[in-house]
Amino acid sequence: MAFRLVRLSTGDDGQSHVTTGEITLEALDELNAASSVEAVSRLRFEETRPGSALTWHPAPERQYVVTLSGTLDFETRDGTRFRLGPGDVLLAEDTAGGGHRWRLVDDQPWRRVYIAF
């Protein structure tokens, strides 16, 4: 079992780059599985209305962003695009450089949880 993980990080060129992977889960018992434990510093819930967009920006800090509702198209300055939807986890580590942008592409608000390291 695993969660989809999309990682945004700043490369040596000062631009944001995308890699995809998984957060793997290990069985705890017959019903449950869990990831490893990570120390975090803050947790915040946020909602953005449907049809919204945010222009170029770096992540304000290293954080997980867990999408609860809404579908978004993200883009980096080199033209790489990816889509996030409910249940996807974004690891935003591109805290410097050219950053990324996003726009909501469905009729749902973007509800998310920010989990800062």
PDB file of N, CA and C in Angstrom:
ATOM      1  N   MET A   1       0.834  -1.176   0.000  1.00  0.00           N
ATOM      2  CA  MET A   1       0.000   0.000   0.000  1.00  0.00           C
ATOM      3  C   MET A   1       0.877   1.236   0.000  1.00  0.00           C
ATOM      4  N   ALA A   2       0.340   2.315  -0.617  1.00  0.00           N
ATOM      5  CA  ALA A   2       1.119   3.541  -0.708  1.00  0.00           C
ATOM      6  C   ALA A   2       0.220   4.723  -1.047  1.00  0.00           C
ATOM      7  N   PHE A   3       0.704   5.911  -0.733  1.00  0.00           N
ATOM      8  CA  PHE A   3       0.098   7.159  -1.163  1.00  0.00           C
ATOM      9  C   PHE A   3       0.943   7.722  -2.296  1.00  0.00           C
ATOM     10  N   ARG A   4       0.312   8.340  -3.276  1.00  0.00           N
ATOM     11  CA  ARG A   4       1.058   9.026  -4.346  1.00  0.00           C
ATOM     12  C   ARG A   4       1.729  10.247  -3.741  1.00  0.00           C
ATOM     13  N   LEU A   5       3.014  10.436  -4.068  1.00  0.00           N
ATOM     14  CA  LEU A   5       3.792  11.574  -3.585  1.00  0.00           C
ATOM     15  C   LEU A   5       4.402  12.287  -4.780  1.00  0.00           C
ATOM     16  N   VAL A   6       4.145  13.596  -4.872  1.00  0.00           N
ATOM     17  CA  VAL A   6       4.766  14.437  -5.889  1.00  0.00           C
ATOM     18  C   VAL A   6       5.678  15.409  -5.151  1.00  0.00           C
ATOM     19  N   ARG A   7       6.944  15.440  -5.552  1.00  0.00           N
ATOM     20  CA  ARG A   7       7.935  16.283  -4.868  1.00  0.00           C
ATOM     21  C   ARG A   7       8.357  17.431  -5.768  1.00  0.00           C
ATOM     22  N   LEU A   8       8.269  18.637  -5.254  1.00  0.00           N
ATOM     23  CA  LEU A   8       8.805  19.828  -5.907  1.00  0.00           C
ATOM     24  C   LEU A   8      10.066  20.239  -5.153  1.00  0.00           C
ATOM     25  N   SER A   9      11.187  20.319  -5.841  1.00  0.00           N
ATOM     26  CA  SER A   9      12.435  20.718  -5.201  1.00  0.00           C
ATOM     27  C   SER A   9      13.170  21.696  -6.099  1.00  0.00           C
ATOM     28  N   THR A  10      14.053  22.487  -5.506  1.00  0.00           N
ATOM     29  CA  THR A  10      14.850  23.445  -6.264  1.00  0.00           C
ATOM     30  C   THR A  10      16.137  22.767  -6.705  1.00  0.00           C
ATOM     31  N   GLY A  11      16.405  22.801  -8.009  1.00  0.00           N
ATOM     32  CA  GLY A  11      17.608  22.202  -8.562  1.00  0.00           C
ATOM     33  C   GLY A  11      18.790  23.145  -8.512  1.00  0.00           C
ATOM     34  N   ASP A  12      19.939  22.653  -8.957  1.00  0.00           N
ATOM     35  CA  ASP A  12      21.158  23.472  -9.017  1.00  0.00           C
ATOM     36  C   ASP A  12      20.991  24.667  -9.939  1.00  0.00           C
ATOM     37  N   ASP A  13      20.030  24.590 -10.872  1.00  0.00           N
ATOM     38  CA  ASP A  13      19.767  25.689 -11.793  1.00  0.00           C
ATOM     39  C   ASP A  13      18.861  26.767 -11.195  1.00  0.00           C
ATOM     40  N   GLY A  14      18.449  26.592  -9.931  1.00  0.00           N
ATOM     41  CA  GLY A  14      17.600  27.573  -9.273  1.00  0.00           C
ATOM     42  C   GLY A  14      16.131  27.466  -9.655  1.00  0.00           C
ATOM     43  N   GLN A  15      15.755  26.422 -10.367  1.00  0.00           N
ATOM     44  CA  GLN A  15      14.370  26.243 -10.799  1.00  0.00           C
ATOM     45  C   GLN A  15      13.741  25.047 -10.089  1.00  0.00           C
ATOM     46  N   SER A  16      12.419  25.049 -10.066  1.00  0.00           N
ATOM     47  CA  SER A  16      11.675  23.951  -9.448  1.00  0.00           C
ATOM     48  C   SER A  16      11.632  22.756 -10.382  1.00  0.00           C
ATOM     49  N   HIS A  17      11.785  21.574  -9.800  1.00  0.00           N
ATOM     50  CA  HIS A  17      11.738  20.329 -10.559  1.00  0.00           C
ATOM     51  C   HIS A  17      10.801  19.357  -9.860  1.00  0.00           C
ATOM     52  N   VAL A  18      10.194  18.470 -10.657  1.00  0.00           N
ATOM     53  CA  VAL A  18       9.174  17.543 -10.168  1.00  0.00           C
ATOM     54  C   VAL A  18       9.689  16.119 -10.239  1.00  0.00           C
ATOM     55  N   THR A  19       9.472  15.368  -9.173  1.00  0.00           N
ATOM     56  CA  THR A  19       9.677  13.924  -9.185  1.00  0.00           C
ATOM     57  C   THR A  19       8.447  13.300  -8.527  1.00  0.00           C
ATOM     58  N   THR A  20       8.119  12.107  -8.953  1.00  0.00           N
ATOM     59  CA  THR A  20       6.978  11.413  -8.363  1.00  0.00           C
ATOM     60  C   THR A  20       7.453  10.135  -7.697  1.00  0.00           C
ATOM     61  N   GLY A  21       6.746   9.761  -6.675  1.00  0.00           N
ATOM     62  CA  GLY A  21       7.073   8.546  -5.946  1.00  0.00           C
ATOM     63  C   GLY A  21       5.901   8.141  -5.085  1.00  0.00           C
ATOM     64  N   GLU A  22       6.211   7.499  -3.986  1.00  0.00           N
ATOM     65  CA  GLU A  22       5.182   6.996  -3.094  1.00  0.00           C
ATOM     66  C   GLU A  22       5.608   7.150  -1.644  1.00  0.00           C
ATOM     67  N   ILE A  23       4.621   7.265  -0.786  1.00  0.00           N
ATOM     68  CA  ILE A  23       4.822   7.111   0.642  1.00  0.00           C
ATOM     69  C   ILE A  23       4.357   5.695   0.939  1.00  0.00           C
ATOM     70  N   THR A  24       5.293   4.838   1.256  1.00  0.00           N
ATOM     71  CA  THR A  24       4.935   3.430   1.449  1.00  0.00           C
ATOM     72  C   THR A  24       4.393   3.196   2.855  1.00  0.00           C
ATOM     73  N   LEU A  25       3.518   2.235   2.927  1.00  0.00           N
ATOM     74  CA  LEU A  25       2.889   1.865   4.192  1.00  0.00           C
ATOM     75  C   LEU A  25       3.246   0.420   4.524  1.00  0.00           C
ATOM     76  N   GLU A  26       3.535   0.170   5.771  1.00  0.00           N
ATOM     77  CA  GLU A  26       3.830  -1.180   6.253  1.00  0.00           C
ATOM     78  C   GLU A  26       2.646  -1.664   7.075  1.00  0.00           C
ATOM     79  N   ALA A  27       2.300  -2.910   6.921  1.00  0.00           N
ATOM     80  CA  ALA A  27       1.179  -3.482   7.658  1.00  0.00           C
ATOM     81  C   ALA A  27       1.439  -3.425   9.161  1.00  0.00           C
ATOM     82  N   LEU A  28       0.443  -2.950   9.897  1.00  0.00           N
ATOM     83  CA  LEU A  28       0.508  -2.947  11.359  1.00  0.00           C
ATOM     84  C   LEU A  28      -0.208  -4.161  11.927  1.00  0.00           C
ATOM     85  N   ASP A  29      -1.303  -4.506  11.266  1.00  0.00           N
ATOM     86  CA  ASP A  29      -2.106  -5.662  11.653  1.00  0.00           C
ATOM     87  C   ASP A  29      -2.990  -6.012  10.462  1.00  0.00           C
ATOM     88  N   GLU A  30      -4.009  -6.790  10.679  1.00  0.00           N
ATOM     89  CA  GLU A  30      -4.877  -7.226   9.571  1.00  0.00           C
ATOM     90  C   GLU A  30      -5.648  -6.089   8.924  1.00  0.00           C
ATOM     91  N   LEU A  31      -5.889  -5.001   9.652  1.00  0.00           N
ATOM     92  CA  LEU A  31      -6.719  -3.909   9.151  1.00  0.00           C
ATOM     93  C   LEU A  31      -5.961  -2.636   8.801  1.00  0.00           C
ATOM     94  N   ASN A  32      -4.799  -2.444   9.362  1.00  0.00           N
ATOM     95  CA  ASN A  32      -4.128  -1.148   9.287  1.00  0.00           C
ATOM     96  C   ASN A  32      -2.718  -1.240   8.724  1.00  0.00           C
ATOM     97  N   ALA A  33      -2.341  -0.143   8.074  1.00  0.00           N
ATOM     98  CA  ALA A  33      -0.971   0.037   7.596  1.00  0.00           C
ATOM     99  C   ALA A  33      -0.587   1.479   7.878  1.00  0.00           C
ATOM    100  N   ALA A  34       0.711   1.748   8.038  1.00  0.00           N
ATOM    101  CA  ALA A  34       1.169   3.095   8.378  1.00  0.00           C
ATOM    102  C   ALA A  34       2.536   3.359   7.787  1.00  0.00           C
ATOM    103  N   SER A  35       2.818   4.646   7.601  1.00  0.00           N
ATOM    104  CA  SER A  35       4.144   5.072   7.166  1.00  0.00           C
ATOM    105  C   SER A  35       5.048   5.191   8.386  1.00  0.00           C
ATOM    106  N   SER A  36       6.294   5.540   8.132  1.00  0.00           N
ATOM    107  CA  SER A  36       7.190   5.853   9.239  1.00  0.00           C
ATOM    108  C   SER A  36       6.747   7.187   9.852  1.00  0.00           C
ATOM    109  N   VAL A  37       7.197   7.454  11.052  1.00  0.00           N
ATOM    110  CA  VAL A  37       6.842   8.676  11.762  1.00  0.00           C
ATOM    111  C   VAL A  37       7.842   9.773  11.404  1.00  0.00           C
ATOM    112  N   GLU A  38       7.319  10.977  11.150  1.00  0.00           N
ATOM    113  CA  GLU A  38       8.174  12.137  10.884  1.00  0.00           C
ATOM    114  C   GLU A  38       7.816  13.240  11.859  1.00  0.00           C
ATOM    115  N   ALA A  39       8.819  13.954  12.338  1.00  0.00           N
ATOM    116  CA  ALA A  39       8.582  15.097  13.214  1.00  0.00           C
ATOM    117  C   ALA A  39       8.098  16.280  12.378  1.00  0.00           C
ATOM    118  N   VAL A  40       7.062  16.956  12.842  1.00  0.00           N
ATOM    119  CA  VAL A  40       6.525  18.125  12.151  1.00  0.00           C
ATOM    120  C   VAL A  40       6.414  19.274  13.143  1.00  0.00           C
ATOM    121  N   SER A  41       6.305  20.510  12.605  1.00  0.00           N
ATOM    122  CA  SER A  41       6.249  21.659  13.499  1.00  0.00           C
ATOM    123  C   SER A  41       4.880  22.340  13.527  1.00  0.00           C
ATOM    124  N   ARG A  42       4.133  22.287  12.411  1.00  0.00           N
ATOM    125  CA  ARG A  42       2.842  22.971  12.348  1.00  0.00           C
ATOM    126  C   ARG A  42       1.902  22.231  11.424  1.00  0.00           C
ATOM    127  N   LEU A  43       0.612  22.432  11.654  1.00  0.00           N
ATOM    128  CA  LEU A  43      -0.421  21.864  10.804  1.00  0.00           C
ATOM    129  C   LEU A  43      -1.481  22.939  10.606  1.00  0.00           C
ATOM    130  N   ARG A  44      -1.935  23.105   9.345  1.00  0.00           N
ATOM    131  CA  ARG A  44      -2.954  24.116   9.046  1.00  0.00           C
ATOM    132  C   ARG A  44      -3.866  23.596   7.949  1.00  0.00           C
ATOM    133  N   PHE A  45      -5.163  23.848   8.082  1.00  0.00           N
ATOM    134  CA  PHE A  45      -6.142  23.536   7.049  1.00  0.00           C
ATOM    135  C   PHE A  45      -6.440  24.807   6.279  1.00  0.00           C
ATOM    136  N   GLU A  46      -6.667  24.668   4.957  1.00  0.00           N
ATOM    137  CA  GLU A  46      -6.965  25.846   4.143  1.00  0.00           C
ATOM    138  C   GLU A  46      -7.928  25.462   3.034  1.00  0.00           C
ATOM    139  N   GLU A  47      -8.727  26.443   2.597  1.00  0.00           N
ATOM    140  CA  GLU A  47      -9.657  26.227   1.490  1.00  0.00           C
ATOM    141  C   GLU A  47      -9.570  27.408   0.527  1.00  0.00           C
ATOM    142  N   THR A  48      -9.575  27.110  -0.775  1.00  0.00           N
ATOM    143  CA  THR A  48      -9.555  28.113  -1.832  1.00  0.00           C
ATOM    144  C   THR A  48     -10.733  27.840  -2.761  1.00  0.00           C
ATOM    145  N   ARG A  49     -11.428  28.897  -3.151  1.00  0.00           N
ATOM    146  CA  ARG A  49     -12.649  28.722  -3.941  1.00  0.00           C
ATOM    147  C   ARG A  49     -12.363  28.177  -5.340  1.00  0.00           C
ATOM    148  N   PRO A  50     -13.338  27.478  -5.935  1.00  0.00           N
ATOM    149  CA  PRO A  50     -13.185  26.933  -7.295  1.00  0.00           C
ATOM    150  C   PRO A  50     -12.819  28.037  -8.303  1.00  0.00           C
ATOM    151  N   GLY A  51     -12.073  27.672  -9.325  1.00  0.00           N
ATOM    152  CA  GLY A  51     -11.684  28.615 -10.370  1.00  0.00           C
ATOM    153  C   GLY A  51     -10.477  29.466 -10.041  1.00  0.00           C
ATOM    154  N   SER A  52      -9.917  29.310  -8.857  1.00  0.00           N
ATOM    155  CA  SER A  52      -8.788  30.135  -8.433  1.00  0.00           C
ATOM    156  C   SER A  52      -7.482  29.654  -9.061  1.00  0.00           C
ATOM    157  N   ALA A  53      -6.496  30.535  -9.009  1.00  0.00           N
ATOM    158  CA  ALA A  53      -5.151  30.236  -9.501  1.00  0.00           C
ATOM    159  C   ALA A  53      -4.158  31.070  -8.705  1.00  0.00           C
ATOM    160  N   LEU A  54      -2.924  30.614  -8.663  1.00  0.00           N
ATOM    161  CA  LEU A  54      -1.843  31.368  -8.030  1.00  0.00           C
ATOM    162  C   LEU A  54      -0.672  31.379  -8.989  1.00  0.00           C
ATOM    163  N   THR A  55      -0.145  32.567  -9.256  1.00  0.00           N
ATOM    164  CA  THR A  55       0.960  32.713 -10.201  1.00  0.00           C
ATOM    165  C   THR A  55       2.271  32.259  -9.557  1.00  0.00           C
ATOM    166  N   TRP A  56       3.374  32.434 -10.259  1.00  0.00           N
ATOM    167  CA  TRP A  56       4.683  31.901  -9.869  1.00  0.00           C
ATOM    168  C   TRP A  56       5.048  32.250  -8.438  1.00  0.00           C
ATOM    169  N   HIS A  57       5.455  31.227  -7.695  1.00  0.00           N
ATOM    170  CA  HIS A  57       5.878  31.410  -6.312  1.00  0.00           C
ATOM    171  C   HIS A  57       6.651  30.180  -5.847  1.00  0.00           C
ATOM    172  N   PRO A  58       7.632  30.367  -4.966  1.00  0.00           N
ATOM    173  CA  PRO A  58       8.264  29.212  -4.324  1.00  0.00           C
ATOM    174  C   PRO A  58       7.427  28.812  -3.107  1.00  0.00           C
ATOM    175  N   ALA A  59       7.646  27.630  -2.594  1.00  0.00           N
ATOM    176  CA  ALA A  59       6.994  27.212  -1.354  1.00  0.00           C
ATOM    177  C   ALA A  59       7.507  28.099  -0.216  1.00  0.00           C
ATOM    178  N   PRO A  60       6.635  28.506   0.704  1.00  0.00           N
ATOM    179  CA  PRO A  60       7.083  29.374   1.802  1.00  0.00           C
ATOM    180  C   PRO A  60       7.976  28.663   2.812  1.00  0.00           C
ATOM    181  N   GLU A  61       7.860  27.335   2.870  1.00  0.00           N
ATOM    182  CA  GLU A  61       8.681  26.527   3.759  1.00  0.00           C
ATOM    183  C   GLU A  61       8.561  25.078   3.297  1.00  0.00           C
ATOM    184  N   ARG A  62       9.412  24.233   3.814  1.00  0.00           N
ATOM    185  CA  ARG A  62       9.347  22.807   3.470  1.00  0.00           C
ATOM    186  C   ARG A  62       8.107  22.221   4.135  1.00  0.00           C
ATOM    187  N   GLN A  63       7.221  21.645   3.316  1.00  0.00           N
ATOM    188  CA  GLN A  63       5.945  21.189   3.857  1.00  0.00           C
ATOM    189  C   GLN A  63       5.306  20.137   2.975  1.00  0.00           C
ATOM    190  N   TYR A  64       4.485  19.300   3.605  1.00  0.00           N
ATOM    191  CA  TYR A  64       3.576  18.438   2.870  1.00  0.00           C
ATOM    192  C   TYR A  64       2.298  19.233   2.637  1.00  0.00           C
ATOM    193  N   VAL A  65       1.675  19.014   1.478  1.00  0.00           N
ATOM    194  CA  VAL A  65       0.361  19.576   1.191  1.00  0.00           C
ATOM    195  C   VAL A  65      -0.511  18.399   0.764  1.00  0.00           C
ATOM    196  N   VAL A  66      -1.509  18.075   1.584  1.00  0.00           N
ATOM    197  CA  VAL A  66      -2.383  16.939   1.326  1.00  0.00           C
ATOM    198  C   VAL A  66      -3.703  17.472   0.786  1.00  0.00           C
ATOM    199  N   THR A  67      -4.030  17.131  -0.446  1.00  0.00           N
ATOM    200  CA  THR A  67      -5.264  17.590  -1.072  1.00  0.00           C
ATOM    201  C   THR A  67      -6.433  16.730  -0.600  1.00  0.00           C
ATOM    202  N   LEU A  68      -7.455  17.406  -0.065  1.00  0.00           N
ATOM    203  CA  LEU A  68      -8.669  16.736   0.395  1.00  0.00           C
ATOM    204  C   LEU A  68      -9.786  16.813  -0.639  1.00  0.00           C
ATOM    205  N   SER A  69      -9.892  17.961  -1.337  1.00  0.00           N
ATOM    206  CA  SER A  69     -10.851  18.108  -2.432  1.00  0.00           C
ATOM    207  C   SER A  69     -10.292  19.095  -3.433  1.00  0.00           C
ATOM    208  N   GLY A  70     -10.810  19.027  -4.656  1.00  0.00           N
ATOM    209  CA  GLY A  70     -10.337  19.880  -5.738  1.00  0.00           C
ATOM    210  C   GLY A  70      -9.311  19.173  -6.597  1.00  0.00           C
ATOM    211  N   THR A  71      -9.243  19.599  -7.848  1.00  0.00           N
ATOM    212  CA  THR A  71      -8.259  19.076  -8.792  1.00  0.00           C
ATOM    213  C   THR A  71      -7.479  20.260  -9.334  1.00  0.00           C
ATOM    214  N   LEU A  72      -6.154  20.159  -9.297  1.00  0.00           N
ATOM    215  CA  LEU A  72      -5.286  21.272  -9.676  1.00  0.00           C
ATOM    216  C   LEU A  72      -4.290  20.859 -10.732  1.00  0.00           C
ATOM    217  N   ASP A  73      -3.999  21.788 -11.627  1.00  0.00           N
ATOM    218  CA  ASP A  73      -2.883  21.644 -12.549  1.00  0.00           C
ATOM    219  C   ASP A  73      -1.757  22.513 -12.033  1.00  0.00           C
ATOM    220  N   PHE A  74      -0.581  21.922 -11.857  1.00  0.00           N
ATOM    221  CA  PHE A  74       0.631  22.624 -11.447  1.00  0.00           C
ATOM    222  C   PHE A  74       1.557  22.725 -12.645  1.00  0.00           C
ATOM    223  N   GLU A  75       2.423  23.745 -12.642  1.00  0.00           N
ATOM    224  CA  GLU A  75       3.423  23.900 -13.695  1.00  0.00           C
ATOM    225  C   GLU A  75       4.690  24.501 -13.097  1.00  0.00           C
ATOM    226  N   THR A  76       5.843  24.022 -13.577  1.00  0.00           N
ATOM    227  CA  THR A  76       7.117  24.634 -13.233  1.00  0.00           C
ATOM    228  C   THR A  76       7.562  25.499 -14.416  1.00  0.00           C
ATOM    229  N   ARG A  77       8.547  26.340 -14.205  1.00  0.00           N
ATOM    230  CA  ARG A  77       8.974  27.276 -15.261  1.00  0.00           C
ATOM    231  C   ARG A  77       9.562  26.587 -16.482  1.00  0.00           C
ATOM    232  N   ASP A  78      10.020  25.346 -16.337  1.00  0.00           N
ATOM    233  CA  ASP A  78      10.539  24.640 -17.515  1.00  0.00           C
ATOM    234  C   ASP A  78       9.420  23.975 -18.320  1.00  0.00           C
ATOM    235  N   GLY A  79       8.162  24.206 -17.908  1.00  0.00           N
ATOM    236  CA  GLY A  79       7.025  23.677 -18.651  1.00  0.00           C
ATOM    237  C   GLY A  79       6.515  22.330 -18.177  1.00  0.00           C
ATOM    238  N   THR A  80       7.159  21.755 -17.151  1.00  0.00           N
ATOM    239  CA  THR A  80       6.679  20.489 -16.610  1.00  0.00           C
ATOM    240  C   THR A  80       5.335  20.724 -15.931  1.00  0.00           C
ATOM    241  N   ARG A  81       4.381  19.852 -16.250  1.00  0.00           N
ATOM    242  CA  ARG A  81       3.038  19.968 -15.678  1.00  0.00           C
ATOM    243  C   ARG A  81       2.652  18.668 -14.993  1.00  0.00           C
ATOM    244  N   PHE A  82       1.861  18.810 -13.951  1.00  0.00           N
ATOM    245  CA  PHE A  82       1.309  17.641 -13.285  1.00  0.00           C
ATOM    246  C   PHE A  82      -0.009  18.028 -12.633  1.00  0.00           C
ATOM    247  N   ARG A  83      -0.808  17.027 -12.352  1.00  0.00           N
ATOM    248  CA  ARG A  83      -2.133  17.230 -11.771  1.00  0.00           C
ATOM    249  C   ARG A  83      -2.180  16.588 -10.393  1.00  0.00           C
ATOM    250  N   LEU A  84      -2.818  17.300  -9.455  1.00  0.00           N
ATOM    251  CA  LEU A  84      -3.064  16.773  -8.119  1.00  0.00           C
ATOM    252  C   LEU A  84      -4.561  16.678  -7.894  1.00  0.00           C
ATOM    253  N   GLY A  85      -4.981  15.639  -7.195  1.00  0.00           N
ATOM    254  CA  GLY A  85      -6.376  15.470  -6.843  1.00  0.00           C
ATOM    255  C   GLY A  85      -6.493  14.963  -5.417  1.00  0.00           C
ATOM    256  N   PRO A  86      -7.730  14.742  -4.978  1.00  0.00           N
ATOM    257  CA  PRO A  86      -7.951  14.276  -3.610  1.00  0.00           C
ATOM    258  C   PRO A  86      -7.140  13.021  -3.284  1.00  0.00           C
ATOM    259  N   GLY A  87      -6.472  13.072  -2.137  1.00  0.00           N
ATOM    260  CA  GLY A  87      -5.650  11.952  -1.689  1.00  0.00           C
ATOM    261  C   GLY A  87      -4.190  12.062  -2.076  1.00  0.00           C
ATOM    262  N   ASP A  88      -3.860  12.963  -3.018  1.00  0.00           N
ATOM    263  CA  ASP A  88      -2.462  13.136  -3.408  1.00  0.00           C
ATOM    264  C   ASP A  88      -1.718  13.947  -2.358  1.00  0.00           C
ATOM    265  N   VAL A  89      -0.438  13.640  -2.222  1.00  0.00           N
ATOM    266  CA  VAL A  89       0.429  14.340  -1.278  1.00  0.00           C
ATOM    267  C   VAL A  89       1.517  15.048  -2.073  1.00  0.00           C
ATOM    268  N   LEU A  90       1.653  16.361  -1.870  1.00  0.00           N
ATOM    269  CA  LEU A  90       2.710  17.162  -2.471  1.00  0.00           C
ATOM    270  C   LEU A  90       3.745  17.437  -1.396  1.00  0.00           C
ATOM    271  N   LEU A  91       5.006  17.163  -1.701  1.00  0.00           N
ATOM    272  CA  LEU A  91       6.103  17.552  -0.822  1.00  0.00           C
ATOM    273  C   LEU A  91       6.733  18.784  -1.456  1.00  0.00           C
ATOM    274  N   ALA A  92       6.426  19.946  -0.898  1.00  0.00           N
ATOM    275  CA  ALA A  92       6.909  21.214  -1.448  1.00  0.00           C
ATOM    276  C   ALA A  92       8.221  21.589  -0.769  1.00  0.00           C
ATOM    277  N   GLU A  93       9.301  21.426  -1.515  1.00  0.00           N
ATOM    278  CA  GLU A  93      10.635  21.756  -1.011  1.00  0.00           C
ATOM    279  C   GLU A  93      11.315  22.809  -1.882  1.00  0.00           C
ATOM    280  N   ASP A  94      10.593  23.368  -2.842  1.00  0.00           N
ATOM    281  CA  ASP A  94      11.166  24.384  -3.727  1.00  0.00           C
ATOM    282  C   ASP A  94      11.014  25.762  -3.090  1.00  0.00           C
ATOM    283  N   THR A  95      11.747  25.961  -2.007  1.00  0.00           N
ATOM    284  CA  THR A  95      11.627  27.180  -1.205  1.00  0.00           C
ATOM    285  C   THR A  95      12.458  28.346  -1.735  1.00  0.00           C
ATOM    286  N   ALA A  96      13.161  28.150  -2.822  1.00  0.00           N
ATOM    287  CA  ALA A  96      13.963  29.208  -3.447  1.00  0.00           C
ATOM    288  C   ALA A  96      13.836  29.060  -4.956  1.00  0.00           C
ATOM    289  N   GLY A  97      14.197  30.107  -5.659  1.00  0.00           N
ATOM    290  CA  GLY A  97      14.223  30.025  -7.116  1.00  0.00           C
ATOM    291  C   GLY A  97      12.914  30.397  -7.779  1.00  0.00           C
ATOM    292  N   GLY A  98      12.737  29.887  -9.002  1.00  0.00           N
ATOM    293  CA  GLY A  98      11.627  30.280  -9.863  1.00  0.00           C
ATOM    294  C   GLY A  98      10.254  29.825  -9.423  1.00  0.00           C
ATOM    295  N   GLY A  99      10.186  28.787  -8.620  1.00  0.00           N
ATOM    296  CA  GLY A  99       8.911  28.354  -8.088  1.00  0.00           C
ATOM    297  C   GLY A  99       8.015  27.634  -9.078  1.00  0.00           C
ATOM    298  N   HIS A 100       6.750  27.613  -8.749  1.00  0.00           N
ATOM    299  CA  HIS A 100       5.725  26.897  -9.510  1.00  0.00           C
ATOM    300  C   HIS A 100       4.444  27.730  -9.495  1.00  0.00           C
ATOM    301  N   ARG A 101       3.471  27.315 -10.292  1.00  0.00           N
ATOM    302  CA  ARG A 101       2.154  27.943 -10.244  1.00  0.00           C
ATOM    303  C   ARG A 101       1.097  26.859 -10.342  1.00  0.00           C
ATOM    304  N   TRP A 102      -0.138  27.205  -9.954  1.00  0.00           N
ATOM    305  CA  TRP A 102      -1.218  26.233 -10.008  1.00  0.00           C
ATOM    306  C   TRP A 102      -2.529  26.927 -10.345  1.00  0.00           C
ATOM    307  N   ARG A 103      -3.485  26.089 -10.796  1.00  0.00           N
ATOM    308  CA  ARG A 103      -4.854  26.569 -11.025  1.00  0.00           C
ATOM    309  C   ARG A 103      -5.813  25.417 -10.785  1.00  0.00           C
ATOM    310  N   LEU A 104      -6.948  25.742 -10.211  1.00  0.00           N
ATOM    311  CA  LEU A 104      -8.003  24.759  -9.986  1.00  0.00           C
ATOM    312  C   LEU A 104      -8.715  24.506 -11.301  1.00  0.00           C
ATOM    313  N   VAL A 105      -8.967  23.237 -11.625  1.00  0.00           N
ATOM    314  CA  VAL A 105      -9.532  22.900 -12.937  1.00  0.00           C
ATOM    315  C   VAL A 105     -10.896  22.223 -12.843  1.00  0.00           C
ATOM    316  N   ASP A 106     -11.443  22.076 -11.644  1.00  0.00           N
ATOM    317  CA  ASP A 106     -12.790  21.523 -11.532  1.00  0.00           C
ATOM    318  C   ASP A 106     -13.673  22.492 -10.749  1.00  0.00           C
ATOM    319  N   ASP A 107     -14.871  22.075 -10.418  1.00  0.00           N
ATOM    320  CA  ASP A 107     -15.825  22.964  -9.754  1.00  0.00           C
ATOM    321  C   ASP A 107     -15.820  22.823  -8.236  1.00  0.00           C
ATOM    322  N   GLN A 108     -14.790  22.216  -7.686  1.00  0.00           N
ATOM    323  CA  GLN A 108     -14.676  22.004  -6.251  1.00  0.00           C
ATOM    324  C   GLN A 108     -13.681  22.991  -5.638  1.00  0.00           C
ATOM    325  N   PRO A 109     -13.890  23.363  -4.376  1.00  0.00           N
ATOM    326  CA  PRO A 109     -12.857  24.162  -3.701  1.00  0.00           C
ATOM    327  C   PRO A 109     -11.632  23.289  -3.464  1.00  0.00           C
ATOM    328  N   TRP A 110     -10.471  23.934  -3.380  1.00  0.00           N
ATOM    329  CA  TRP A 110      -9.261  23.201  -3.012  1.00  0.00           C
ATOM    330  C   TRP A 110      -9.169  23.218  -1.499  1.00  0.00           C
ATOM    331  N   ARG A 111      -9.482  22.090  -0.891  1.00  0.00           N
ATOM    332  CA  ARG A 111      -9.336  21.910   0.543  1.00  0.00           C
ATOM    333  C   ARG A 111      -8.077  21.095   0.764  1.00  0.00           C
ATOM    334  N   ARG A 112      -7.251  21.585   1.681  1.00  0.00           N
ATOM    335  CA  ARG A 112      -5.954  20.942   1.876  1.00  0.00           C
ATOM    336  C   ARG A 112      -5.478  21.104   3.298  1.00  0.00           C
ATOM    337  N   VAL A 113      -4.489  20.286   3.605  1.00  0.00           N
ATOM    338  CA  VAL A 113      -3.816  20.335   4.893  1.00  0.00           C
ATOM    339  C   VAL A 113      -2.348  20.623   4.619  1.00  0.00           C
ATOM    340  N   TYR A 114      -1.803  21.650   5.258  1.00  0.00           N
ATOM    341  CA  TYR A 114      -0.369  21.941   5.201  1.00  0.00           C
ATOM    342  C   TYR A 114       0.265  21.351   6.455  1.00  0.00           C
ATOM    343  N   ILE A 115       1.329  20.597   6.267  1.00  0.00           N
ATOM    344  CA  ILE A 115       2.052  19.990   7.383  1.00  0.00           C
ATOM    345  C   ILE A 115       3.515  20.411   7.244  1.00  0.00           C
ATOM    346  N   ALA A 116       3.930  21.374   8.041  1.00  0.00           N
ATOM    347  CA  ALA A 116       5.268  21.949   7.936  1.00  0.00           C
ATOM    348  C   ALA A 116       6.278  21.178   8.765  1.00  0.00           C
ATOM    349  N   PHE A 117       7.509  21.100   8.259  1.00  0.00           N
ATOM    350  CA  PHE A 117       8.605  20.443   8.966  1.00  0.00           C
ATOM    351  C   PHE A 117       9.323  21.437   9.859  1.00  0.00           C
TER     352      PHE A 117
END
